[in-house]
Amino acid sequence: MEQEINTGPVVFTREMIIAAMDKWRTKIVNDVPYIVKCFKDKYYFPYTKQVAEGSKYIHMYAGIHNTDIYFFAIPDVFDTVEHRNDFERYTQPCKLMVSGIGGGNEIDRAEAQARMDAWKNNYKTWLPKQSKTTDGIFQLFEVDVIDFDSDETLANMALVAELGNPTGFVADLIITNVEQTHALVFEDFSRPIPPMGPSAVVSNYYLLTL
């Protein structure tokens, strides 16, 4: 069950993860132009499938380290107060990268591409608009584990058009699975938080409380 995953060019300590998330939360309220600049030409991040017994979701928390955006991925079973002192052992830092392709619930290539293009074409105006709404800019994405069919995936920033939404869109994360045949399968069973779902409780997202 307890798969340790925090490896890579930068090994993040507990304090570094908290600082990165805190910087994101501060900037999305007080300095949205900085957030827009950090997103410039960066649309996806690579993610290695995490295996954790009993896990239903992967929580992907946004953060900023130096001037780089990261998503800190942690299985929901470790995103609890019981792991308040060692959650970093089970957290995978995923750095947002330049360019890339995107791809749960399987959706076709055209729909996936449309959502990814919507992000590329609108994030500069969407982020400031979203920052002024009740929910504000997302702090994490919750992704169903069924989205991850292959061990190595890419997660792409996306926007889904929504009628009646004052910003016109809802943030999205599209998971691309690369099959053994090298075919791309696009999955989309993720949701941004906030808003919290009607049955959600903050204790299910411990890192939000830090």
Protein backbone atom coordinates (compact mmCIF):
# COMPACT_ATOMS: atom_id res chain seq x y z
CA MET A 1 0.00 0.00 0.00
CA GLU A 2 2.61 2.52 1.01
CA GLN A 3 4.40 3.40 -2.21
CA GLU A 4 6.93 6.18 -1.80
CA ILE A 5 7.08 8.38 -4.89
CA ASN A 6 8.82 11.71 -4.12
CA THR A 7 11.81 11.43 -6.44
CA GLY A 8 13.09 13.46 -9.38
CA PRO A 9 15.28 16.48 -10.17
CA VAL A 10 13.89 18.26 -7.10
CA VAL A 11 13.12 16.14 -4.02
CA PHE A 12 10.51 18.12 -2.14
CA THR A 13 10.47 18.15 1.62
CA ARG A 14 7.22 18.54 3.54
CA GLU A 15 8.05 22.19 4.14
CA MET A 16 8.80 22.82 0.46
CA ILE A 17 5.45 21.36 -0.61
CA ILE A 18 3.58 23.46 1.94
CA ALA A 19 5.47 26.58 0.86
CA ALA A 20 4.72 25.91 -2.82
CA MET A 21 0.99 25.43 -2.17
CA ASP A 22 0.90 28.51 0.03
CA LYS A 23 2.56 30.58 -2.70
CA TRP A 24 -0.07 29.40 -5.20
CA ARG A 25 -2.93 30.26 -2.83
CA THR A 26 -1.49 33.70 -2.20
CA LYS A 27 -0.80 34.52 -5.84
CA ILE A 28 -4.21 33.39 -7.17
CA VAL A 29 -5.79 35.96 -4.86
CA ASN A 30 -3.30 38.80 -4.85
CA ASP A 31 -1.27 38.55 -8.06
CA VAL A 32 -3.12 36.87 -10.93
CA PRO A 33 -0.83 38.44 -13.60
CA TYR A 34 2.03 36.50 -11.97
CA ILE A 35 0.02 33.27 -12.33
CA VAL A 36 -0.70 34.05 -16.00
CA LYS A 37 3.02 34.61 -16.57
CA CYS A 38 3.91 31.30 -14.90
CA PHE A 39 1.50 29.46 -17.23
CA LYS A 40 3.03 31.00 -20.37
CA ASP A 41 3.41 28.26 -23.03
CA LYS A 42 3.18 25.53 -20.39
CA TYR A 43 0.24 23.22 -20.91
CA TYR A 44 0.91 19.72 -19.52
CA PHE A 45 2.80 17.67 -16.98
CA PRO A 46 3.99 14.04 -16.99
CA TYR A 47 2.61 11.76 -14.29
CA THR A 48 3.61 8.24 -13.22
CA LYS A 49 0.75 6.09 -12.00
CA GLN A 50 0.66 5.76 -8.20
CA VAL A 51 -0.56 2.50 -6.66
CA ALA A 52 -2.20 2.71 -3.25
CA GLU A 53 -4.56 0.10 -1.86
CA GLY A 54 -8.06 1.45 -1.32
CA SER A 55 -7.42 4.68 -3.24
CA LYS A 56 -10.27 5.99 -5.39
CA TYR A 57 -8.87 9.39 -6.37
CA ILE A 58 -5.59 11.15 -6.95
CA HIS A 59 -5.53 14.66 -5.50
CA MET A 60 -3.37 17.02 -7.54
CA TYR A 61 -2.58 20.21 -5.62
CA ALA A 62 -1.30 23.28 -7.45
CA GLY A 63 1.83 24.98 -6.19
CA ILE A 64 4.66 27.27 -7.25
CA HIS A 65 8.32 26.47 -6.60
CA ASN A 66 10.60 29.31 -7.63
CA THR A 67 8.66 30.44 -10.71
CA ASP A 68 7.61 26.95 -11.84
CA ILE A 69 4.09 25.59 -11.46
CA TYR A 70 3.88 22.11 -9.98
CA PHE A 71 1.00 19.77 -9.32
CA PHE A 72 1.61 17.67 -6.22
CA ALA A 73 -0.13 14.33 -6.78
CA ILE A 74 -1.11 12.26 -3.75
CA PRO A 75 -3.51 9.29 -3.46
CA ASP A 76 -6.55 10.21 -1.37
CA VAL A 77 -5.71 7.56 1.26
CA PHE A 78 -2.56 9.52 2.15
CA ASP A 79 -4.19 12.96 2.01
CA THR A 80 -5.31 12.66 5.63
CA VAL A 81 -4.40 14.02 9.03
CA GLU A 82 -2.89 10.64 9.89
CA HIS A 83 -0.16 11.40 7.35
CA ARG A 84 0.36 15.00 8.40
CA ASN A 85 4.02 14.31 9.25
CA ASP A 86 4.98 12.16 6.27
CA PHE A 87 2.65 12.96 3.36
CA GLU A 88 5.63 14.07 1.28
CA ARG A 89 6.73 10.42 1.06
CA TYR A 90 3.64 9.64 -1.01
CA THR A 91 3.48 12.86 -3.02
CA GLN A 92 4.64 13.02 -6.65
CA PRO A 93 5.79 16.50 -7.74
CA CYS A 94 4.72 17.05 -11.37
CA LYS A 95 6.26 20.06 -13.09
CA LEU A 96 4.19 21.91 -15.69
CA MET A 97 6.03 21.72 -19.00
CA VAL A 98 6.18 23.55 -22.31
CA SER A 99 3.86 22.38 -25.11
CA GLY A 100 2.79 18.72 -25.11
CA ILE A 101 -0.34 16.82 -26.12
CA GLY A 102 -3.31 16.03 -24.01
CA GLY A 103 -5.70 13.36 -23.23
CA GLY A 104 -11.60 7.82 -16.43
CA ASN A 105 -14.13 8.73 -18.83
CA GLU A 106 -12.86 8.27 -22.34
CA ILE A 107 -13.48 11.13 -24.73
CA ASP A 108 -12.62 11.39 -28.40
CA ARG A 109 -9.57 13.16 -29.73
CA ALA A 110 -11.55 16.05 -31.21
CA GLU A 111 -13.26 16.89 -27.89
CA ALA A 112 -10.00 16.53 -25.96
CA GLN A 113 -8.20 18.79 -28.42
CA ALA A 114 -10.99 21.37 -28.29
CA ARG A 115 -10.74 21.57 -24.50
CA MET A 116 -6.95 21.84 -24.56
CA ASP A 117 -7.10 24.51 -27.27
CA ALA A 118 -9.64 26.39 -25.14
CA TRP A 119 -7.06 26.59 -22.35
CA LYS A 120 -4.28 27.75 -24.67
CA ASN A 121 -6.48 30.37 -26.27
CA ASN A 122 -8.26 31.66 -23.16
CA TYR A 123 -6.19 31.13 -20.00
CA LYS A 124 -4.81 34.68 -20.05
CA THR A 125 -8.32 36.13 -19.79
CA TRP A 126 -10.00 33.25 -17.95
CA LEU A 127 -7.68 33.27 -14.93
CA PRO A 128 -8.34 36.94 -14.01
CA LYS A 129 -12.09 36.46 -14.50
CA GLN A 130 -12.14 33.26 -12.44
CA SER A 131 -10.17 34.89 -9.63
CA LYS A 132 -13.07 37.29 -9.09
CA THR A 133 -15.71 34.56 -8.72
CA THR A 134 -16.92 33.07 -5.44
CA ASP A 135 -14.90 29.88 -5.91
CA GLY A 136 -11.81 31.58 -7.30
CA ILE A 137 -9.04 29.75 -9.14
CA PHE A 138 -8.68 26.02 -8.50
CA GLN A 139 -6.38 24.82 -5.73
CA LEU A 140 -6.34 21.17 -6.79
CA PHE A 141 -7.84 18.65 -9.18
CA GLU A 142 -9.41 15.41 -8.02
CA VAL A 143 -8.87 12.69 -10.62
CA ASP A 144 -10.53 9.28 -10.53
CA VAL A 145 -7.95 6.47 -10.54
CA ILE A 146 -9.79 4.84 -13.46
CA ASP A 147 -8.38 7.61 -15.66
CA PHE A 148 -4.91 6.09 -15.41
CA ASP A 149 -4.87 3.10 -17.75
CA SER A 150 -1.14 3.15 -18.41
CA ASP A 151 1.80 3.61 -16.06
CA GLU A 152 3.08 6.73 -17.80
CA THR A 153 0.59 9.47 -18.63
CA LEU A 154 0.40 13.14 -19.51
CA ALA A 155 -2.01 15.56 -17.87
CA ASN A 156 -3.03 18.59 -19.91
CA MET A 157 -4.58 21.84 -18.78
CA ALA A 158 -7.98 22.36 -20.38
CA LEU A 159 -11.17 24.39 -20.23
CA VAL A 160 -14.70 23.09 -20.71
CA ALA A 161 -17.30 25.52 -22.05
CA GLU A 162 -20.22 25.92 -19.63
CA LEU A 163 -23.41 27.81 -20.40
CA GLY A 164 -24.42 30.20 -17.65
CA ASN A 165 -20.95 30.35 -16.15
CA PRO A 166 -19.89 34.02 -15.93
CA THR A 167 -16.38 33.13 -17.11
CA GLY A 168 -17.68 30.88 -19.90
CA PHE A 169 -15.56 27.91 -18.85
CA VAL A 170 -14.73 25.45 -16.08
CA ALA A 171 -11.13 24.33 -15.50
CA ASP A 172 -10.36 20.77 -16.57
CA LEU A 173 -7.50 18.29 -16.58
CA ILE A 174 -7.34 15.78 -19.44
CA ILE A 175 -5.31 12.61 -18.95
CA THR A 176 -3.56 11.06 -21.95
CA ASN A 177 -2.80 7.34 -21.71
CA VAL A 178 -0.34 5.91 -24.24
CA GLU A 179 -1.33 2.35 -25.08
CA GLN A 180 1.16 -0.39 -26.04
CA THR A 181 0.08 0.16 -29.64
CA HIS A 182 1.21 3.80 -29.18
CA ALA A 183 -2.37 4.90 -29.68
CA LEU A 184 -3.49 7.79 -27.51
CA VAL A 185 -6.53 7.35 -25.28
CA PHE A 186 -7.97 10.50 -23.74
CA GLU A 187 -9.68 10.29 -20.34
CA ASP A 188 -11.60 12.93 -18.43
CA PHE A 189 -13.02 12.14 -15.02
CA SER A 190 -11.55 15.01 -13.05
CA ARG A 191 -12.92 18.06 -11.30
CA PRO A 192 -11.40 21.25 -9.96
CA ILE A 193 -11.60 22.12 -6.25
CA PRO A 194 -12.97 24.53 -5.20
CA PRO A 195 -15.89 24.21 -5.45
CA MET A 196 -16.31 21.38 -3.00
CA GLY A 197 -18.89 18.76 -3.93
CA PRO A 198 -22.17 18.60 -1.96
CA SER A 199 -20.98 15.56 0.02
CA ALA A 200 -17.31 16.55 0.32
CA VAL A 201 -15.69 17.39 3.64
CA VAL A 202 -12.47 19.31 4.12
CA SER A 203 -10.98 16.45 6.14
CA ASN A 204 -10.84 14.46 2.88
CA TYR A 205 -8.35 17.02 1.57
CA TYR A 206 -5.89 17.45 4.41
CA LEU A 207 -3.35 19.38 2.38
CA LEU A 208 -5.94 22.13 1.87
CA THR A 209 -5.77 22.87 5.57
CA LEU A 210 -2.00 23.47 5.64
